[in-house]
Amino acid sequence: MLLLLAGPFLGLAYAIFLPFIGIAMFVMLLCRKLFAVGFEGFQKVAIFTWAPCEAYFVRKTKGMKKEKKEK
């Protein structure tokens, strides 16, 4: 019952903040394009493996073994 009462308010909050989310994503994309050179050094230190828009149909261990051999 509580969820039915909270539903309209959650929908309203989503509708209000959706433009701000779009603006934040645009600013983030713009910063990545403008400052891509500055992030190269950071990318060598930090490893981000989670990519929600990419699908891999092979195991990642094969690529990781090659990286270990290079080091």
Protein backbone atom coordinates (compact mmCIF):
# COMPACT_ATOMS: atom_id res chain seq x y z
CA MET A 1 0.00 0.00 0.00
CA LEU A 2 2.86 2.33 0.86
CA LEU A 3 4.43 1.72 -2.53
CA LEU A 4 1.21 2.70 -4.28
CA LEU A 5 1.13 5.96 -2.35
CA ALA A 6 4.83 6.70 -3.00
CA GLY A 7 4.61 5.90 -6.74
CA PRO A 8 3.28 9.27 -7.94
CA PHE A 9 5.87 11.15 -5.89
CA LEU A 10 8.70 8.99 -7.22
CA GLY A 11 7.45 9.58 -10.75
CA LEU A 12 7.33 13.32 -10.12
CA ALA A 13 10.89 13.30 -8.77
CA TYR A 14 12.03 11.36 -11.85
CA ALA A 15 10.32 13.83 -14.19
CA ILE A 16 11.83 16.81 -12.36
CA PHE A 17 15.42 15.50 -12.24
CA LEU A 18 15.53 13.92 -15.72
CA PRO A 19 16.64 17.16 -17.46
CA PHE A 20 19.42 17.61 -14.89
CA ILE A 21 20.63 14.07 -15.53
CA GLY A 22 20.76 14.81 -19.25
CA ILE A 23 22.71 18.02 -18.67
CA ALA A 24 25.15 16.23 -16.36
CA MET A 25 25.73 13.50 -18.96
CA PHE A 26 26.36 16.11 -21.65
CA VAL A 27 28.85 17.98 -19.46
CA MET A 28 30.62 14.72 -18.63
CA LEU A 29 30.88 13.81 -22.33
CA LEU A 30 32.14 17.28 -23.19
CA CYS A 31 34.78 17.14 -20.44
CA ARG A 32 35.94 13.74 -21.64
CA LYS A 33 36.36 15.01 -25.18
CA LEU A 34 38.08 18.25 -24.18
CA PHE A 35 40.42 16.81 -21.58
CA ALA A 36 41.09 13.39 -23.11
CA VAL A 37 44.84 14.04 -23.13
CA GLY A 38 44.86 14.66 -19.38
CA PHE A 39 43.05 11.41 -18.62
CA GLU A 40 45.55 9.16 -20.42
CA GLY A 41 47.92 9.13 -17.46
CA PHE A 42 45.05 8.44 -15.10
CA GLN A 43 43.83 5.55 -17.25
CA LYS A 44 47.22 3.87 -16.97
CA VAL A 45 46.96 3.93 -13.17
CA ALA A 46 43.27 3.12 -12.72
CA ILE A 47 41.77 0.10 -14.44
CA PHE A 48 38.08 0.24 -15.21
CA THR A 49 36.81 -3.12 -16.44
CA TRP A 50 33.07 -2.59 -16.17
CA ALA A 51 31.58 -1.47 -19.50
CA PRO A 52 27.77 -1.81 -19.45
CA CYS A 53 27.34 -1.13 -23.18
CA GLU A 54 29.82 -3.73 -24.37
CA ALA A 55 29.35 -7.46 -24.68
CA TYR A 56 32.23 -9.92 -24.72
CA PHE A 57 31.67 -13.42 -25.98
CA VAL A 58 35.15 -14.65 -25.11
CA ARG A 59 36.78 -14.97 -21.75
CA LYS A 60 38.78 -12.02 -20.57
CA THR A 61 41.44 -14.25 -19.06
CA LYS A 62 43.08 -14.67 -22.48
CA GLY A 63 43.70 -10.94 -22.78
CA MET A 64 44.78 -10.69 -19.18
CA LYS A 65 47.47 -13.34 -19.66
CA LYS A 66 48.95 -11.35 -22.53
CA GLU A 67 49.02 -8.22 -20.41
CA LYS A 68 50.84 -10.05 -17.61
CA LYS A 69 53.48 -11.32 -20.05
CA GLU A 70 54.10 -7.80 -21.34
CA LYS A 71 54.73 -6.49 -17.82
